[in-house]
């Protein structure tokens, strides 16, 4: 029974817990037993909190038995990325410098998740300080992709992506500055949502780039993501970038009806230099929505040609500012890869940074104009398939290309504009997952979630799971 439980989505587990057919404690123990047994192989967790988790699960079971059911995530066990502050628990940012850091307060998203009755099982591996896309961590070890243990899970939320895909957590949160939710979600074959900038408070999340950072769900299904978004959304006076906007009941808005939906397709940027098999899957996904009544319109956004420059200047400059003192005083304590990036971040001038912000505004304006004609954009999430751990290059239709430049090409614009973006699995290429990305207008998470839900119903993965997980079913 326990092996069957760990493979289920939150939407499947929630009614079982509510109706007391299973207990939170039973589920928590099953997930932790599996996660602990697999962690030597996948290395998705940095730390486990079994004792606290079991105590919390027992309390949640008592609440539910007394008729105090809090909602979809009540009693659900979940690990979180190790840059989210959990009061009185070591929060390392997967770094040497913060290896003993213990925050004295919860991040806002953690507080909201506690209120929803979520049971925390531990902290997940990540690329050091969230500044990278491989999760090949020099301090805590490389995290491995459950679909192929020789390949990267993506990053920086690589432990989050791998843990959900391998059933080592029921769902989780990631952070996303240039694609760090969507990249590992695509690479690991799960659902990942980057909400509108300001929709979810970042208070208590160690920053990488103030103006680009986001927090969002990484889950097994679109409905699971919608349910978690309901919990973590909302204005927070502790976060100056947080925005006043009503929080919808996203789970109730998943109708799957896309009749009349206008899908924007941008050929010159989002379908340029893409793995041919990935492109085929994404175009098939678009066609599956057309078959359900959607329409397609090709749209040009000329300023996207500047997106990579604007993204990299912004993130380099802001990240280097955050880590400036430690870079001067203890540079040897950073991993070599991110130390180089922080050093590069000292080079752009104020002119470079401000020019990047001007380009950023132009990209945002052109997207706003495009959304007057279309409801969503659909793109590949990644133009490549995950390379092997330790490789700096990826294969793109037989050509070796720089990994970091290419893996963030289609995700970075979502951070520059702050627009909501969802990745949903769309099939396998050479046994590895590919993702379809849906970008929507600001604060229209319900739109992209519903499109993702409609696509998910076509069963693009045909029930396929990583070999490691499926062997346990």
Protein backbone atom coordinates (compact mmCIF):
# COMPACT_ATOMS: atom_id res chain seq x y z
CA UNK A 1 0.00 0.00 0.00
CA UNK A 2 2.77 2.47 0.93
CA UNK A 3 4.50 2.07 -2.44
CA UNK A 4 1.22 2.85 -4.16
CA UNK A 5 0.62 5.91 -1.95
CA UNK A 6 3.89 7.65 -2.74
CA UNK A 7 3.18 7.70 -6.48
CA UNK A 8 -0.15 9.47 -6.09
CA UNK A 9 -0.74 13.18 -6.72
CA UNK A 10 -2.08 15.53 -4.06
CA UNK A 11 -5.44 15.65 -5.82
CA UNK A 12 -5.66 11.85 -5.42
CA UNK A 13 -4.38 11.82 -1.83
CA UNK A 14 -6.45 14.70 -0.44
CA UNK A 15 -9.85 12.93 -0.44
CA UNK A 16 -8.26 9.81 1.07
CA UNK A 17 -6.91 11.88 3.95
CA UNK A 18 -10.08 13.94 4.34
CA UNK A 19 -12.21 10.79 4.51
CA UNK A 20 -9.65 9.13 6.82
CA UNK A 21 -9.05 6.20 4.46
CA UNK A 22 -5.37 6.90 5.00
CA UNK A 23 -3.64 8.95 7.69
CA UNK A 24 -1.20 11.79 7.28
CA UNK A 25 1.22 9.83 9.45
CA UNK A 26 0.97 6.75 7.24
CA UNK A 27 1.62 8.83 4.13
CA UNK A 28 4.43 10.83 5.76
CA UNK A 29 6.24 7.68 6.87
CA UNK A 30 5.84 6.11 3.42
CA UNK A 31 7.26 9.17 1.65
CA UNK A 32 10.13 9.53 4.11
CA UNK A 33 10.99 5.82 4.00
CA UNK A 34 11.17 5.98 0.22
CA UNK A 35 13.05 9.30 0.17
CA UNK A 36 15.66 8.13 2.66
CA UNK A 37 16.19 4.88 0.77
CA UNK A 38 16.65 6.66 -2.57
CA UNK A 39 18.64 9.67 -1.43
CA UNK A 40 22.01 7.94 -1.68
CA UNK A 41 21.24 7.44 -5.36
CA UNK A 42 19.48 10.67 -6.34
CA UNK A 43 20.78 13.06 -3.65
CA UNK A 44 17.65 15.21 -3.75
CA UNK A 45 17.61 16.04 -0.02
CA UNK A 46 20.20 18.00 1.95
CA UNK A 47 18.49 17.27 5.27
CA UNK A 48 15.57 15.27 6.68
CA UNK A 49 13.31 16.26 9.58
CA UNK A 50 11.59 12.95 10.28
CA UNK A 51 10.90 13.46 13.99
CA UNK A 52 9.21 16.84 13.49
CA UNK A 53 7.37 15.55 10.43
CA UNK A 54 5.89 12.57 12.27
CA UNK A 55 4.86 14.76 15.22
CA UNK A 56 3.18 17.23 12.86
CA UNK A 57 1.44 14.44 10.93
CA UNK A 58 0.00 13.00 14.16
CA UNK A 59 -1.36 16.43 15.05
CA UNK A 60 -2.89 16.82 11.58
CA UNK A 61 -4.59 13.44 11.92
CA UNK A 62 -6.15 14.54 15.22
CA UNK A 63 -7.44 17.74 13.62
CA UNK A 64 -8.99 15.85 10.72
CA UNK A 65 -10.52 13.28 13.08
CA UNK A 66 -12.14 16.17 14.95
CA UNK A 67 -13.68 17.50 11.75
CA UNK A 68 -11.26 20.37 11.27
CA UNK A 69 -10.18 19.68 7.69
CA UNK A 70 -8.25 22.66 6.32
CA UNK A 71 -8.26 21.83 2.63
CA UNK A 72 -6.47 20.06 -0.21
CA UNK A 73 -2.98 20.11 1.31
CA UNK A 74 -3.94 19.27 4.91
CA UNK A 75 -1.68 16.46 6.11
CA UNK A 76 0.35 16.31 2.88
CA UNK A 77 4.10 15.68 3.42
CA UNK A 78 6.41 17.99 1.53
CA UNK A 79 10.08 18.94 1.42
CA UNK A 80 11.14 22.43 0.31
CA UNK A 81 14.12 23.99 -1.44
CA UNK A 82 16.93 24.83 0.96
CA UNK A 83 16.89 28.59 0.33
CA UNK A 84 13.48 28.98 2.02
CA UNK A 85 13.79 29.88 5.68
CA UNK A 86 12.24 27.43 8.13
CA UNK A 87 12.38 28.67 11.71
CA UNK A 88 14.98 26.92 13.87
CA UNK A 89 16.01 24.60 11.03
CA UNK A 90 19.34 24.71 9.23
CA UNK A 91 18.93 26.49 5.90
CA UNK A 92 22.14 26.20 3.90
CA UNK A 93 21.39 27.70 0.47
CA UNK A 94 23.43 24.60 -0.53
CA UNK A 95 26.53 26.62 0.31
CA UNK A 96 29.60 26.35 2.52
CA UNK A 97 29.25 29.92 3.78
CA UNK A 98 25.72 29.35 5.14
CA UNK A 99 26.19 25.70 6.11
CA UNK A 100 25.29 26.42 9.75
CA UNK A 101 22.71 29.20 9.22
CA UNK A 102 19.56 28.74 11.31
CA UNK A 103 16.85 31.37 10.67
CA UNK A 104 14.74 32.61 13.58
CA UNK A 105 11.59 33.00 11.49
CA UNK A 106 9.64 31.25 8.74
CA UNK A 107 9.52 32.51 5.18
CA UNK A 108 6.06 33.82 4.38
CA UNK A 109 5.37 30.88 2.06
CA UNK A 110 6.38 28.47 4.85
CA UNK A 111 4.00 30.21 7.28
CA UNK A 112 1.17 29.94 4.74
CA UNK A 113 1.91 26.28 4.15
CA UNK A 114 1.88 25.59 7.90
CA UNK A 115 -1.54 27.25 8.08
CA UNK A 116 -2.73 24.92 5.31
CA UNK A 117 -1.64 21.88 7.33
CA UNK A 118 1.37 20.84 5.26
CA UNK A 119 3.87 18.48 6.91
CA UNK A 120 7.51 19.40 6.26
CA UNK A 121 9.84 16.47 5.68
CA UNK A 122 13.16 18.22 4.97
CA UNK A 123 15.19 20.54 2.76
CA UNK A 124 16.04 19.86 -0.86
CA UNK A 125 19.31 20.08 -2.76
CA UNK A 126 19.87 22.99 -5.13
CA UNK A 127 22.55 24.74 -7.12
CA UNK A 128 24.65 26.78 -4.70
CA UNK A 129 22.87 30.07 -3.87
CA UNK A 130 20.41 29.22 -6.70
CA UNK A 131 22.95 30.53 -9.24
CA UNK A 132 23.15 27.73 -11.76
CA UNK A 133 21.20 25.24 -13.82
CA UNK A 134 22.93 21.88 -13.23
CA UNK A 135 22.59 21.27 -9.45
CA UNK A 136 26.13 19.85 -9.61
CA UNK A 137 26.90 21.06 -6.10
CA UNK A 138 30.52 21.05 -4.84
CA UNK A 139 29.48 21.07 -1.15
CA UNK A 140 26.52 18.64 -1.03
CA UNK A 141 27.06 16.57 -4.16
CA UNK A 142 25.39 16.44 -7.52
CA UNK A 143 21.67 15.80 -7.66
CA UNK A 144 20.77 13.21 -10.29
CA UNK A 145 17.90 13.04 -12.73
CA UNK A 146 15.61 10.07 -11.88
CA UNK A 147 15.04 9.38 -15.57
CA UNK A 148 18.78 8.85 -16.15
CA UNK A 149 21.14 9.02 -13.20
CA UNK A 150 24.01 10.23 -15.38
CA UNK A 151 22.09 13.37 -16.40
CA UNK A 152 21.46 16.67 -14.67
CA UNK A 153 18.00 17.31 -13.20
CA UNK A 154 18.23 20.97 -14.19
CA UNK A 155 18.51 23.78 -11.70
CA UNK A 156 18.69 25.64 -9.61
CA UNK A 157 15.73 23.76 -8.05
CA UNK A 158 17.18 20.43 -9.14
CA UNK A 159 16.50 18.66 -5.86
CA UNK A 160 12.90 19.84 -6.04
CA UNK A 161 12.41 18.52 -9.58
CA UNK A 162 14.13 15.21 -8.89
CA UNK A 163 12.30 14.67 -5.59
CA UNK A 164 8.84 15.12 -7.10
CA UNK A 165 9.66 12.98 -10.14
CA UNK A 166 11.07 10.19 -7.96
CA UNK A 167 8.16 10.33 -5.45
CA UNK A 168 10.54 11.51 -2.69
CA UNK A 169 8.13 14.37 -1.93
CA UNK A 170 4.47 14.67 -2.80
CA UNK A 171 4.91 18.23 -4.11
CA UNK A 172 7.28 21.12 -3.41
CA UNK A 173 8.22 24.73 -4.00
CA UNK A 174 11.03 26.00 -6.18
CA UNK A 175 12.49 29.41 -6.84
CA UNK A 176 12.91 30.86 -10.31
CA UNK A 177 15.22 33.70 -11.41
CA UNK A 178 15.98 32.70 -14.99
CA UNK A 179 13.99 29.47 -15.17
CA UNK A 180 14.92 27.62 -11.99
CA UNK A 181 11.40 26.21 -11.47
CA UNK A 182 10.64 25.51 -15.11
CA UNK A 183 14.05 24.12 -16.13
CA UNK A 184 14.13 21.24 -13.61
CA UNK A 185 10.40 20.67 -13.99
CA UNK A 186 10.85 20.19 -17.73
CA UNK A 187 14.01 18.11 -17.30
CA UNK A 188 12.37 15.85 -14.69
CA UNK A 189 8.95 15.52 -16.34
CA UNK A 190 6.78 17.36 -13.80
CA UNK A 191 4.60 20.49 -13.66
CA UNK A 192 6.27 23.77 -12.69
CA UNK A 193 4.65 27.19 -12.26
CA UNK A 194 6.38 30.55 -12.05
CA UNK A 195 3.63 32.95 -10.93
CA UNK A 196 3.37 36.64 -11.81
CA UNK A 197 6.14 38.64 -10.12
CA UNK A 198 4.74 39.84 -6.79
CA UNK A 199 1.91 37.31 -6.68
CA UNK A 200 3.84 35.24 -4.10
CA UNK A 201 5.88 36.83 -1.30
CA UNK A 202 9.63 36.27 -1.38
CA UNK A 203 10.12 37.29 2.27
CA UNK A 204 12.34 34.72 3.93
CA UNK A 205 13.78 33.40 0.67
CA UNK A 206 17.52 34.05 0.30
CA UNK A 207 17.73 36.27 -2.81
CA UNK A 208 19.65 35.73 -6.01
CA UNK A 209 18.36 38.72 -7.98
CA UNK A 210 15.75 40.92 -6.28
CA UNK A 211 13.92 42.00 -9.39
CA UNK A 212 13.90 38.59 -11.12
CA UNK A 213 13.24 36.14 -8.25
CA UNK A 214 9.97 34.20 -7.98
CA UNK A 215 8.67 31.33 -5.80
CA UNK A 216 6.23 28.77 -7.17
CA UNK A 217 4.86 25.20 -7.12
CA UNK A 218 6.53 22.11 -8.56
CA UNK A 219 4.04 19.24 -8.63
CA UNK A 220 2.86 16.02 -10.25
CA UNK A 221 -0.26 17.55 -11.82
CA UNK A 222 -1.64 20.93 -12.87
CA UNK A 223 -4.38 20.74 -10.24
CA UNK A 224 -1.76 20.15 -7.56
CA UNK A 225 0.01 23.31 -8.72
CA UNK A 226 -3.25 25.26 -8.71
CA UNK A 227 -4.01 24.14 -5.16
CA UNK A 228 -0.56 25.06 -3.88
CA UNK A 229 -0.71 28.45 -5.59
CA UNK A 230 -3.95 29.21 -3.71
CA UNK A 231 -2.08 28.62 -0.46
CA UNK A 232 1.09 30.64 -1.07
CA UNK A 233 -0.36 33.63 -2.96
CA UNK A 234 -1.24 36.99 -1.45
CA UNK A 235 0.15 40.42 -0.66
CA UNK A 236 2.76 40.57 2.10
CA UNK A 237 3.83 43.87 3.74
CA UNK A 238 7.22 42.28 4.47
CA UNK A 239 7.98 42.02 0.73
CA UNK A 240 8.18 45.41 -1.04
CA UNK A 241 7.70 43.74 -4.43
CA UNK A 242 4.50 42.02 -3.29
CA UNK A 243 1.37 43.25 -5.08
CA UNK A 244 -2.23 43.76 -4.01
CA UNK A 245 -4.29 41.40 -6.15
CA UNK A 246 -7.16 39.05 -5.30
CA UNK A 247 -6.28 35.36 -5.00
CA UNK A 248 -8.56 33.15 -7.07
CA UNK A 249 -9.77 29.64 -6.36
CA UNK A 250 -7.57 28.31 -9.12
CA UNK A 251 -8.58 24.67 -8.61
CA UNK A 252 -12.21 25.57 -9.29
CA UNK A 253 -11.29 27.30 -12.55
CA UNK A 254 -9.80 24.22 -14.20
CA UNK A 255 -12.54 23.50 -16.69
CA UNK A 256 -10.30 22.25 -19.50
CA UNK A 257 -12.39 24.31 -21.94
CA UNK A 258 -10.13 26.01 -24.50
CA UNK A 259 -12.70 26.68 -27.21
CA UNK A 260 -11.96 30.04 -28.77
CA UNK A 261 -8.61 30.37 -26.95
CA UNK A 262 -6.05 32.18 -29.11
CA UNK A 263 -2.56 30.70 -28.82
CA UNK A 264 0.31 32.98 -29.76
CA UNK A 265 3.27 31.37 -31.50
CA UNK A 266 6.50 33.31 -31.88
CA UNK A 267 8.61 31.62 -34.52
CA UNK A 268 11.67 33.88 -34.69
CA UNK A 269 12.60 33.50 -31.02
CA UNK A 270 10.80 30.62 -29.30
CA UNK A 271 11.05 28.14 -32.16
CA UNK A 272 14.56 29.05 -33.33
CA UNK A 273 17.44 26.68 -32.64
CA UNK A 274 15.34 24.00 -30.92
CA UNK A 275 16.02 20.29 -30.71
CA UNK A 276 13.98 18.94 -33.62
CA UNK A 277 12.31 16.22 -31.54
CA UNK A 278 11.40 18.67 -28.77
CA UNK A 279 9.94 21.03 -31.36
CA UNK A 280 7.87 18.20 -32.82
CA UNK A 281 6.40 17.36 -29.41
CA UNK A 282 5.54 20.99 -28.63
CA UNK A 283 3.91 21.58 -32.01
CA UNK A 284 1.92 18.38 -31.51
CA UNK A 285 0.85 19.75 -28.13
CA UNK A 286 -0.36 22.96 -29.76
CA UNK A 287 -2.26 20.93 -32.31
CA UNK A 288 -3.93 18.93 -29.53
CA UNK A 289 -5.30 22.21 -28.14
CA UNK A 290 -6.41 23.29 -31.61
CA UNK A 291 -8.27 19.97 -31.84
CA UNK A 292 -10.10 21.06 -28.67
CA UNK A 293 -11.19 24.37 -30.22
CA UNK A 294 -8.24 26.71 -29.75
CA UNK A 295 -6.83 28.90 -32.51
CA UNK A 296 -3.24 29.82 -33.38
CA UNK A 297 -1.89 33.22 -34.34
CA UNK A 298 1.72 33.94 -35.17
CA UNK A 299 3.03 36.97 -33.29
CA UNK A 300 6.32 38.84 -33.58
CA UNK A 301 8.04 40.35 -30.53
CA UNK A 302 11.13 41.97 -32.01
CA UNK A 303 12.67 43.07 -28.70
CA UNK A 304 13.09 39.42 -27.61
CA UNK A 305 16.38 39.41 -29.49
CA UNK A 306 17.73 41.50 -26.58
CA UNK A 307 16.28 39.27 -23.86
CA UNK A 308 19.41 37.25 -23.10
CA UNK A 309 21.54 40.40 -22.73
CA UNK A 310 19.00 42.09 -20.47
CA UNK A 311 18.54 38.96 -18.34
CA UNK A 312 22.24 38.27 -17.87
CA UNK A 313 23.25 41.88 -17.10
CA UNK A 314 20.43 42.14 -14.55
CA UNK A 315 21.07 38.85 -12.78
CA UNK A 316 24.86 39.21 -12.82
CA UNK A 317 24.74 42.72 -11.37
CA UNK A 318 22.14 42.05 -8.70
CA UNK A 319 23.65 38.72 -7.61
CA UNK A 320 27.13 40.21 -7.35
CA UNK A 321 25.75 43.03 -5.19
CA UNK A 322 24.16 40.56 -2.77
CA UNK A 323 27.36 38.53 -2.42
CA UNK A 324 29.87 41.39 -2.77
CA UNK A 325 31.25 41.30 0.78
CA UNK A 326 31.71 37.53 0.90
CA UNK A 327 33.31 37.63 -2.55
CA UNK A 328 35.90 40.06 -1.19
CA UNK A 329 36.46 38.38 2.19
CA UNK A 330 36.10 34.63 1.51
CA UNK A 331 36.05 33.94 -2.25
CA UNK A 332 37.53 30.45 -1.78
CA UNK A 333 34.38 29.36 0.06
CA UNK A 334 32.24 29.67 -3.09
CA UNK A 335 32.05 26.87 -5.64
CA UNK A 336 34.29 27.65 -8.61
CA UNK A 337 31.38 27.98 -11.06
CA UNK A 338 29.39 30.54 -9.11
CA UNK A 339 32.49 32.41 -7.92
CA UNK A 340 33.25 33.11 -11.58
CA UNK A 341 29.70 34.37 -12.12
CA UNK A 342 29.90 36.68 -9.09
CA UNK A 343 33.23 38.01 -10.36
CA UNK A 344 31.68 38.62 -13.77
CA UNK A 345 28.86 40.46 -12.01
CA UNK A 346 31.33 43.07 -10.79
CA UNK A 347 32.09 44.09 -14.39
CA UNK A 348 28.87 45.63 -15.84
CA UNK A 349 28.65 49.41 -15.48
CA UNK A 350 25.67 51.44 -14.31
CA UNK A 351 25.12 52.26 -17.99
CA UNK A 352 24.97 48.54 -18.82
CA UNK A 353 22.51 47.85 -16.00
CA UNK A 354 20.22 50.75 -16.85
CA UNK A 355 20.29 49.91 -20.54
CA UNK A 356 19.22 46.37 -19.61
CA UNK A 357 16.28 47.79 -17.66
CA UNK A 358 15.24 49.91 -20.65
CA UNK A 359 15.31 46.84 -22.87
CA UNK A 360 13.38 44.97 -20.21
CA UNK A 361 10.62 47.57 -20.25
CA UNK A 362 10.43 47.35 -24.03
CA UNK A 363 10.09 43.55 -23.95
CA UNK A 364 7.37 43.86 -21.32
CA UNK A 365 5.52 46.47 -23.40
CA UNK A 366 5.61 44.33 -26.53
CA UNK A 367 4.24 41.34 -24.61
CA UNK A 368 1.42 43.52 -23.28
CA UNK A 369 0.60 44.58 -26.83
CA UNK A 370 0.72 40.98 -28.02
CA UNK A 371 -1.75 39.93 -25.33
CA UNK A 372 -4.30 42.25 -26.90
CA UNK A 373 -4.40 39.73 -29.77
CA UNK A 374 -3.69 36.38 -28.07
CA UNK A 375 -4.60 34.75 -24.77
CA UNK A 376 -1.37 32.80 -24.15
CA UNK A 377 1.93 32.01 -25.78
CA UNK A 378 3.08 28.42 -26.11
CA UNK A 379 6.77 27.60 -26.49
CA UNK A 380 9.18 24.79 -25.78
CA UNK A 381 10.30 25.10 -22.15
CA UNK A 382 13.86 24.10 -23.05
CA UNK A 383 15.45 23.97 -26.52
CA UNK A 384 17.65 21.05 -25.47
CA UNK A 385 17.54 17.77 -23.53
CA UNK A 386 19.50 17.39 -20.28
CA UNK A 387 23.20 16.65 -20.78
CA UNK A 388 25.33 14.45 -18.56
CA UNK A 389 26.46 15.68 -15.15
CA UNK A 390 29.70 17.65 -15.44
CA UNK A 391 29.24 18.67 -19.07
CA UNK A 392 29.27 22.37 -19.95
CA UNK A 393 27.80 21.78 -23.38
CA UNK A 394 24.55 20.36 -24.70
CA UNK A 395 23.69 18.67 -27.97
CA UNK A 396 21.45 20.74 -30.24
CA UNK A 397 20.64 18.83 -33.41
CA UNK A 398 24.14 17.40 -33.59
CA UNK A 399 25.95 20.61 -32.63
CA UNK A 400 27.66 21.24 -29.30
CA UNK A 401 26.31 24.45 -27.75
CA UNK A 402 26.97 26.27 -24.47
CA UNK A 403 24.68 24.78 -21.84
CA UNK A 404 23.83 27.79 -19.67
CA UNK A 405 23.23 30.14 -22.62
CA UNK A 406 20.79 27.76 -24.26
CA UNK A 407 18.98 26.23 -21.30
CA UNK A 408 17.66 29.63 -20.10
CA UNK A 409 16.81 31.05 -23.55
CA UNK A 410 13.07 30.36 -23.40
CA UNK A 411 12.56 30.74 -19.66
CA UNK A 412 14.44 34.02 -19.06
CA UNK A 413 11.85 36.28 -20.75
CA UNK A 414 9.27 35.23 -18.14
CA UNK A 415 11.51 36.58 -15.40
CA UNK A 416 12.33 39.80 -17.25
CA UNK A 417 8.64 40.55 -17.79
CA UNK A 418 7.36 39.01 -14.55
CA UNK A 419 4.66 37.22 -16.55
CA UNK A 420 3.25 33.91 -15.26
CA UNK A 421 4.62 30.82 -16.99
CA UNK A 422 3.77 27.15 -16.62
CA UNK A 423 5.63 24.10 -17.89
CA UNK A 424 3.79 20.81 -18.44
CA UNK A 425 5.39 17.53 -19.59
CA UNK A 426 4.79 16.91 -23.29
CA UNK A 427 6.57 13.62 -23.94
CA UNK A 428 9.98 11.96 -24.07
CA UNK A 429 12.99 12.45 -26.33
CA UNK A 430 15.48 9.58 -26.17
CA UNK A 431 13.94 8.56 -22.85
CA UNK A 432 14.21 12.02 -21.30
CA UNK A 433 11.28 14.39 -20.60
CA UNK A 434 10.50 17.53 -22.57
CA UNK A 435 8.28 20.38 -21.46
CA UNK A 436 5.70 22.64 -23.10
CA UNK A 437 5.69 26.20 -21.70
CA UNK A 438 2.55 28.36 -21.45
CA UNK A 439 3.05 32.10 -20.85
CA UNK A 440 0.09 34.31 -19.95
CA UNK A 441 -0.76 37.93 -19.17
CA UNK A 442 0.13 39.31 -15.75
CA UNK A 443 -2.05 37.92 -12.93
CA UNK A 444 -3.77 35.46 -15.27
CA UNK A 445 -2.50 32.29 -13.62
CA UNK A 446 -5.97 30.79 -13.98
CA UNK A 447 -5.66 31.05 -17.77
CA UNK A 448 -2.33 29.26 -18.12
CA UNK A 449 -3.33 26.66 -15.54
CA UNK A 450 -6.51 25.89 -17.46
CA UNK A 451 -4.60 25.58 -20.74
CA UNK A 452 -2.12 23.30 -19.00
CA UNK A 453 -5.00 21.27 -17.58
CA UNK A 454 -6.55 20.88 -21.03
CA UNK A 455 -3.23 19.72 -22.44
CA UNK A 456 -2.56 17.39 -19.51
CA UNK A 457 -5.88 15.65 -20.20
CA UNK A 458 -4.50 14.49 -23.57
CA UNK A 459 -2.08 12.28 -21.55
CA UNK A 460 1.12 13.31 -23.37
CA UNK A 461 3.31 11.20 -21.05
CA UNK A 462 1.08 8.12 -21.46
CA UNK A 463 1.64 7.22 -17.83
CA UNK A 464 5.41 6.89 -18.19
CA UNK A 465 7.50 7.56 -15.07
CA UNK A 466 11.21 7.38 -14.31
CA UNK A 467 12.50 3.81 -14.23
CA UNK A 468 13.56 4.20 -10.61
CA UNK A 469 10.07 5.17 -9.53
CA UNK A 470 8.13 2.79 -11.77
CA UNK A 471 10.16 -0.15 -10.52
CA UNK A 472 8.75 0.47 -7.06
CA UNK A 473 5.09 0.51 -8.07
